PDB file of all heavy atoms in Angstrom:
ATOM      1  N   GLU A   1      86.090  98.086 118.923  1.00  0.00           N
ATOM      2  CA  GLU A   1      85.744  99.066 119.959  1.00  0.00           C
ATOM      3  C   GLU A   1      86.282  98.793 121.259  1.00  0.00           C
ATOM      4  O   GLU A   1      86.209  97.606 121.849  1.00  0.00           O
ATOM      5  CB  GLU A   1      84.185  99.013 120.038  1.00  0.00           C
ATOM      6  CG  GLU A   1      83.441  99.778 118.844  1.00  0.00           C
ATOM      7  CD  GLU A   1      83.832 101.273 118.726  1.00  0.00           C
ATOM      8  OE1 GLU A   1      83.848 101.918 119.797  1.00  0.00           O
ATOM      9  OE2 GLU A   1      84.096 101.654 117.671  1.00  0.00           O
ATOM     10  N   GLY A   2      87.023  99.764 121.826  1.00  0.00           N
ATOM     11  CA  GLY A   2      87.413  99.634 123.171  1.00  0.00           C
ATOM     12  C   GLY A   2      86.303 100.048 124.070  1.00  0.00           C
ATOM     13  O   GLY A   2      85.156  99.763 123.862  1.00  0.00           O
ATOM     14  N   GLU A   3      86.657 101.079 124.938  1.00  0.00           N
ATOM     15  CA  GLU A   3      85.574 101.693 125.764  1.00  0.00           C
ATOM     16  C   GLU A   3      85.210 103.009 125.281  1.00  0.00           C
ATOM     17  O   GLU A   3      85.816 104.055 125.702  1.00  0.00           O
ATOM     18  CB  GLU A   3      85.995 101.760 127.230  1.00  0.00           C
ATOM     19  CG  GLU A   3      84.995 102.215 128.280  1.00  0.00           C
ATOM     20  CD  GLU A   3      85.472 102.145 129.669  1.00  0.00           C
ATOM     21  OE1 GLU A   3      86.378 102.873 130.002  1.00  0.00           O
ATOM     22  OE2 GLU A   3      84.954 101.167 130.432  1.00  0.00           O
ATOM     23  N   GLY A   4      84.398 103.034 124.233  1.00  0.00           N
ATOM     24  CA  GLY A   4      83.996 104.316 123.662  1.00  0.00           C
ATOM     25  C   GLY A   4      85.028 104.826 122.548  1.00  0.00           C
ATOM     26  O   GLY A   4      84.797 105.880 122.007  1.00  0.00           O
ATOM     27  N   GLU A   5      86.039 104.111 122.302  1.00  0.00           N
ATOM     28  CA  GLU A   5      87.143 104.555 121.342  1.00  0.00           C
ATOM     29  C   GLU A   5      87.333 103.366 120.424  1.00  0.00           C
ATOM     30  O   GLU A   5      87.506 102.153 120.872  1.00  0.00           O
ATOM     31  CB  GLU A   5      88.349 104.968 122.059  1.00  0.00           C
ATOM     32  CG  GLU A   5      88.237 106.219 122.866  1.00  0.00           C
ATOM     33  CD  GLU A   5      88.402 107.411 122.114  1.00  0.00           C
ATOM     34  OE1 GLU A   5      88.577 107.411 120.877  1.00  0.00           O
ATOM     35  OE2 GLU A   5      88.434 108.566 122.698  1.00  0.00           O
ATOM     36  N   GLU A   6      87.538 103.648 119.160  1.00  0.00           N
ATOM     37  CA  GLU A   6      87.959 102.587 118.180  1.00  0.00           C
ATOM     38  C   GLU A   6      89.613 102.452 118.496  1.00  0.00           C
ATOM     39  O   GLU A   6      90.310 103.444 118.688  1.00  0.00           O
ATOM     40  CB  GLU A   6      87.834 103.162 116.806  1.00  0.00           C
ATOM     41  CG  GLU A   6      88.278 102.017 115.820  1.00  0.00           C
ATOM     42  CD  GLU A   6      88.014 102.551 114.340  1.00  0.00           C
ATOM     43  OE1 GLU A   6      88.905 103.349 113.864  1.00  0.00           O
ATOM     44  OE2 GLU A   6      87.233 101.974 113.687  1.00  0.00           O
ATOM     45  N   VAL A   7      89.939 101.117 118.511  1.00  0.00           N
ATOM     46  CA  VAL A   7      91.327 100.801 118.697  1.00  0.00           C
ATOM     47  C   VAL A   7      91.945  99.995 117.593  1.00  0.00           C
ATOM     48  O   VAL A   7      91.187  99.133 116.933  1.00  0.00           O
ATOM     49  CB  VAL A   7      91.601  99.913 120.098  1.00  0.00           C
ATOM     50  CG1 VAL A   7      92.838  99.503 120.382  1.00  0.00           C
ATOM     51  CG2 VAL A   7      90.931 100.792 121.262  1.00  0.00           C
ATOM     52  N   GLN A   8      93.113 100.342 117.247  1.00  0.00           N
ATOM     53  CA  GLN A   8      93.801  99.725 115.996  1.00  0.00           C
ATOM     54  C   GLN A   8      94.647  98.575 116.434  1.00  0.00           C
ATOM     55  O   GLN A   8      95.440  98.763 117.479  1.00  0.00           O
ATOM     56  CB  GLN A   8      94.598 100.696 115.330  1.00  0.00           C
ATOM     57  CG  GLN A   8      95.237 100.138 113.944  1.00  0.00           C
ATOM     58  CD  GLN A   8      96.179 101.199 113.277  1.00  0.00           C
ATOM     59  OE1 GLN A   8      96.689 102.062 113.905  1.00  0.00           O
ATOM     60  NE2 GLN A   8      96.254 101.119 112.010  1.00  0.00           N
ATOM     61  N   GLY A   9      94.632  97.373 115.808  1.00  0.00           N
ATOM     62  CA  GLY A   9      95.593  96.346 116.138  1.00  0.00           C
ATOM     63  C   GLY A   9      95.833  95.604 114.881  1.00  0.00           C
ATOM     64  O   GLY A   9      95.416  95.859 113.791  1.00  0.00           O
ATOM     65  N   TRP A  10      96.558  94.448 115.063  1.00  0.00           N
ATOM     66  CA  TRP A  10      97.040  93.609 113.984  1.00  0.00           C
ATOM     67  C   TRP A  10      97.036  92.108 114.313  1.00  0.00           C
ATOM     68  O   TRP A  10      97.235  91.797 115.630  1.00  0.00           O
ATOM     69  CB  TRP A  10      98.399  94.020 113.504  1.00  0.00           C
ATOM     70  CG  TRP A  10      98.429  95.366 112.866  1.00  0.00           C
ATOM     71  CD1 TRP A  10      98.217  95.648 111.548  1.00  0.00           C
ATOM     72  CD2 TRP A  10      98.560  96.559 113.593  1.00  0.00           C
ATOM     73  NE1 TRP A  10      98.320  96.974 111.383  1.00  0.00           N
ATOM     74  CE2 TRP A  10      98.561  97.617 112.629  1.00  0.00           C
ATOM     75  CE3 TRP A  10      98.816  96.864 114.895  1.00  0.00           C
ATOM     76  CZ2 TRP A  10      98.714  98.877 112.912  1.00  0.00           C
ATOM     77  CZ3 TRP A  10      99.028  98.252 115.249  1.00  0.00           C
ATOM     78  CH2 TRP A  10      98.952  99.231 114.247  1.00  0.00           C
ATOM     79  N   VAL A  11      96.702  91.299 113.487  1.00  0.00           N
ATOM     80  CA  VAL A  11      96.801  89.832 113.633  1.00  0.00           C
ATOM     81  C   VAL A  11      97.812  89.237 112.709  1.00  0.00           C
ATOM     82  O   VAL A  11      97.643  89.406 111.481  1.00  0.00           O
ATOM     83  CB  VAL A  11      95.365  89.088 113.536  1.00  0.00           C
ATOM     84  CG1 VAL A  11      95.506  87.673 113.675  1.00  0.00           C
ATOM     85  CG2 VAL A  11      94.479  89.700 114.513  1.00  0.00           C
ATOM     86  N   LEU A  12      98.714  88.331 113.135  1.00  0.00           N
ATOM     87  CA  LEU A  12      99.581  87.706 112.321  1.00  0.00           C
ATOM     88  C   LEU A  12      99.462  86.207 112.540  1.00  0.00           C
ATOM     89  O   LEU A  12      99.465  85.686 113.670  1.00  0.00           O
ATOM     90  CB  LEU A  12     101.086  88.056 112.737  1.00  0.00           C
ATOM     91  CG  LEU A  12     102.223  87.500 111.946  1.00  0.00           C
ATOM     92  CD1 LEU A  12     102.260  87.989 110.513  1.00  0.00           C
ATOM     93  CD2 LEU A  12     103.539  87.840 112.597  1.00  0.00           C
ATOM     94  N   THR A  13      99.198  85.425 111.497  1.00  0.00           N
ATOM     95  CA  THR A  13      98.955  84.085 111.497  1.00  0.00           C
ATOM     96  C   THR A  13     100.213  83.243 111.125  1.00  0.00           C
ATOM     97  O   THR A  13     101.000  83.763 110.397  1.00  0.00           O
ATOM     98  CB  THR A  13      97.697  83.691 110.648  1.00  0.00           C
ATOM     99  OG1 THR A  13      98.045  84.103 109.263  1.00  0.00           O
ATOM    100  CG2 THR A  13      96.509  84.387 111.054  1.00  0.00           C
ATOM    101  N   PRO A  14     100.214  81.891 111.465  1.00  0.00           N
ATOM    102  CA  PRO A  14     101.365  81.143 111.110  1.00  0.00           C
ATOM    103  C   PRO A  14     101.429  80.967 109.648  1.00  0.00           C
ATOM    104  O   PRO A  14     100.520  80.946 108.911  1.00  0.00           O
ATOM    105  CB  PRO A  14     100.933  79.754 111.741  1.00  0.00           C
ATOM    106  CG  PRO A  14     100.136  80.120 112.906  1.00  0.00           C
ATOM    107  CD  PRO A  14      99.371  81.287 112.393  1.00  0.00           C
ATOM    108  N   PRO A  15     102.783  80.993 109.070  1.00  0.00           N
ATOM    109  CA  PRO A  15     102.849  81.064 107.624  1.00  0.00           C
ATOM    110  C   PRO A  15     102.405  79.735 106.977  1.00  0.00           C
ATOM    111  O   PRO A  15     102.045  79.692 105.824  1.00  0.00           O
ATOM    112  CB  PRO A  15     104.360  81.168 107.488  1.00  0.00           C
ATOM    113  CG  PRO A  15     104.989  80.790 108.760  1.00  0.00           C
ATOM    114  CD  PRO A  15     103.969  81.092 109.774  1.00  0.00           C
ATOM    115  N   ASP A  16     102.383  78.580 107.707  1.00  0.00           N
ATOM    116  CA  ASP A  16     101.913  77.314 107.181  1.00  0.00           C
ATOM    117  C   ASP A  16     100.594  77.077 107.793  1.00  0.00           C
ATOM    118  O   ASP A  16     100.269  75.796 107.895  1.00  0.00           O
ATOM    119  CB  ASP A  16     102.914  76.202 107.454  1.00  0.00           C
ATOM    120  CG  ASP A  16     103.238  76.110 108.896  1.00  0.00           C
ATOM    121  OD1 ASP A  16     102.744  76.964 109.787  1.00  0.00           O
ATOM    122  OD2 ASP A  16     104.074  75.247 109.190  1.00  0.00           O
ATOM    123  N   MET A  17      99.665  77.968 108.007  1.00  0.00           N
ATOM    124  CA  MET A  17      98.347  77.670 108.673  1.00  0.00           C
ATOM    125  C   MET A  17      97.486  76.948 107.740  1.00  0.00           C
ATOM    126  O   MET A  17      97.459  77.189 106.523  1.00  0.00           O
ATOM    127  CB  MET A  17      97.654  78.989 109.014  1.00  0.00           C
ATOM    128  CG  MET A  17      96.330  78.884 109.770  1.00  0.00           C
ATOM    129  SD  MET A  17      95.761  80.455 110.442  1.00  0.00           S
ATOM    130  CE  MET A  17      95.165  81.087 108.918  1.00  0.00           C
ATOM    131  N   GLU A  18      96.896  75.955 108.287  1.00  0.00           N
ATOM    132  CA  GLU A  18      96.051  75.025 107.462  1.00  0.00           C
ATOM    133  C   GLU A  18      94.557  75.255 107.739  1.00  0.00           C
ATOM    134  O   GLU A  18      94.064  75.600 108.917  1.00  0.00           O
ATOM    135  CB  GLU A  18      96.316  73.450 107.810  1.00  0.00           C
ATOM    136  CG  GLU A  18      97.847  73.105 107.574  1.00  0.00           C
ATOM    137  CD  GLU A  18      98.110  71.664 107.883  1.00  0.00           C
ATOM    138  OE1 GLU A  18      97.048  70.888 108.213  1.00  0.00           O
ATOM    139  OE2 GLU A  18      99.277  71.245 107.926  1.00  0.00           O
ATOM    140  N   ALA A  19      93.737  75.187 106.729  1.00  0.00           N
ATOM    141  CA  ALA A  19      92.297  75.397 106.817  1.00  0.00           C
ATOM    142  C   ALA A  19      91.631  74.332 107.796  1.00  0.00           C
ATOM    143  O   ALA A  19      92.031  73.193 107.733  1.00  0.00           O
ATOM    144  CB  ALA A  19      91.724  75.410 105.457  1.00  0.00           C
ATOM    145  N   GLY A  20      90.903  74.831 108.626  1.00  0.00           N
ATOM    146  CA  GLY A  20      90.163  73.890 109.540  1.00  0.00           C
ATOM    147  C   GLY A  20      90.918  73.701 110.782  1.00  0.00           C
ATOM    148  O   GLY A  20      90.212  73.023 111.761  1.00  0.00           O
ATOM    149  N   GLU A  21      92.007  74.147 110.908  1.00  0.00           N
ATOM    150  CA  GLU A  21      92.884  73.894 112.189  1.00  0.00           C
ATOM    151  C   GLU A  21      92.799  75.118 113.037  1.00  0.00           C
ATOM    152  O   GLU A  21      92.509  76.251 112.525  1.00  0.00           O
ATOM    153  CB  GLU A  21      94.345  73.652 111.826  1.00  0.00           C
ATOM    154  CG  GLU A  21      94.550  72.330 111.166  1.00  0.00           C
ATOM    155  CD  GLU A  21      94.239  71.141 111.909  1.00  0.00           C
ATOM    156  OE1 GLU A  21      94.441  71.207 113.213  1.00  0.00           O
ATOM    157  OE2 GLU A  21      93.805  70.107 111.355  1.00  0.00           O
ATOM    158  N   SER A  22      92.909  74.927 114.329  1.00  0.00           N
ATOM    159  CA  SER A  22      93.026  76.083 115.308  1.00  0.00           C
ATOM    160  C   SER A  22      94.359  76.218 115.884  1.00  0.00           C
ATOM    161  O   SER A  22      95.058  75.232 115.859  1.00  0.00           O
ATOM    162  CB  SER A  22      91.900  76.002 116.206  1.00  0.00           C
ATOM    163  OG  SER A  22      92.170  74.832 117.155  1.00  0.00           O
ATOM    164  N   TYR A  23      94.749  77.463 116.242  1.00  0.00           N
ATOM    165  CA  TYR A  23      96.063  77.721 116.824  1.00  0.00           C
ATOM    166  C   TYR A  23      95.973  78.618 118.159  1.00  0.00           C
ATOM    167  O   TYR A  23      95.060  79.398 118.379  1.00  0.00           O
ATOM    168  CB  TYR A  23      96.806  78.462 115.679  1.00  0.00           C
ATOM    169  CG  TYR A  23      97.012  77.620 114.506  1.00  0.00           C
ATOM    170  CD1 TYR A  23      96.036  77.670 113.493  1.00  0.00           C
ATOM    171  CD2 TYR A  23      98.195  76.924 114.221  1.00  0.00           C
ATOM    172  CE1 TYR A  23      96.185  76.968 112.301  1.00  0.00           C
ATOM    173  CE2 TYR A  23      98.296  76.123 113.109  1.00  0.00           C
ATOM    174  CZ  TYR A  23      97.274  76.153 112.175  1.00  0.00           C
ATOM    175  OH  TYR A  23      97.517  75.483 111.042  1.00  0.00           O
ATOM    176  N   PRO A  24      96.925  78.461 119.047  1.00  0.00           N
ATOM    177  CA  PRO A  24      97.021  79.165 120.115  1.00  0.00           C
ATOM    178  C   PRO A  24      97.309  80.534 119.886  1.00  0.00           C
ATOM    179  O   PRO A  24      97.872  80.936 118.854  1.00  0.00           O
ATOM    180  CB  PRO A  24      98.137  78.484 120.933  1.00  0.00           C
ATOM    181  CG  PRO A  24      99.014  77.827 120.045  1.00  0.00           C
ATOM    182  CD  PRO A  24      98.102  77.504 118.876  1.00  0.00           C
TER     183      PRO A  24
END
């Protein structure tokens, strides 16, 4: 939700992302 409007986006994660780790 933006300001009264639904907004579409995407999230791309690192290909070698490890469970339990956090990333910038």
